[in-house]
Amino acid sequence: MNQKKIYKDDTNPFWNIRLSVLIYFFISFVIISIIALSGITKNLDESIVNFFSSIQEPSFDLIFIIVTTTADTINLIIAGFVLTIIKRTRRFGMILLISLVAITILVTYIKPLFGVEQPQQEFVPLISLPEKFTLERDSFMPFAQAFSYPSNHIASAVAFSFIVGGISYLRSHKFAISFLIAFPMLIGFTKLYLFQHSVTDLIGGYLFGLIVVSLIVKGLKANTETMKSRKEPSQVVENDGLKGIEDVKGAEKIENIENEDEVQKVGRIIDKGSTTTADVDKKEKPQRDNKNS
């Protein structure tokens, strides 16, 4: 019979997050939050806005809009459903979907608490966009749309890149780590170009995404898998061999028993024959005596 066994993967750092690492992420998030609330990066933010305003052109608009759309919440949710369809990545697809929902809800309610306003500069594309096409807002709820810290898009992108990195880690360590860093950074660069976020928004969103997805991965035990154990081929052959040996021994026992029965039958026949001969001799002996007398 098949038995369920739990297999634990201790080699993948994405599924084995240490508590000390989570504490480090949390402390870093607190520090960045304090910096964002203090407003000491205001001059830096203005310099970044002026820089991207100076390099804006139609080709850049098209490229950055396409790239930033890949990290829209709806597209990442679709990616999560695709992972759940594939049997090998089904558990990780569910973890991604849970992480995206958790991040979206938490960021929506955290933003008003921090109260960091969005950049004042408004992005005006130099290309004609499709009718009714709009860039996705960072928050869906109206009460949070005026605030930008932390970035929901970056936090969601981090959750996606974290799960993809964990799935691909055993095949390519470099790709897994590079994707975890490069994909959110690329999306963050587009957000700066589109004037949707400041640098502190992006860093805070990155750390917040790491904290949430790490907690969910640890809580749902992504490093363990329950599988049905089956008999190995060698065990099957061995069992069949033992069964064959037992059958042979049983056959030999049966044959010995049959031989013993035949011997007993012959013995009884011989004993019967001996008894008959003795009786005949007894009957013939008085007759011979009478004749002699």
Foldseek 3Di string as FASTA:
>chain_A
DWDKDKDFDPPQCLLVPDPVVLVVLVVVLVVLLVVLLVCPCVVVLVVLLVVLVVPDDQVVLVVLLVLLVCLPLVNQLVVLVVLCVDPVRNVLSVLLNVLLVVLQVVLQVVQVVSVRFAFPDAADHPDDDPPPDDRDQQHDDPVRRRGQAAGSSLLSLLSSLSSVLSVCCVVPVVVSVCSNPPSSVSSVVSCSSRRGHGPSNSSSSSSVSVSSSSVSSNVVSVRMDMDIDDDDPVRVVVVVVVVVVVVVVVVVVVVVVVVVVVVVVVVVVVVVVVVVVVVVVVVVVVVVVVVVD
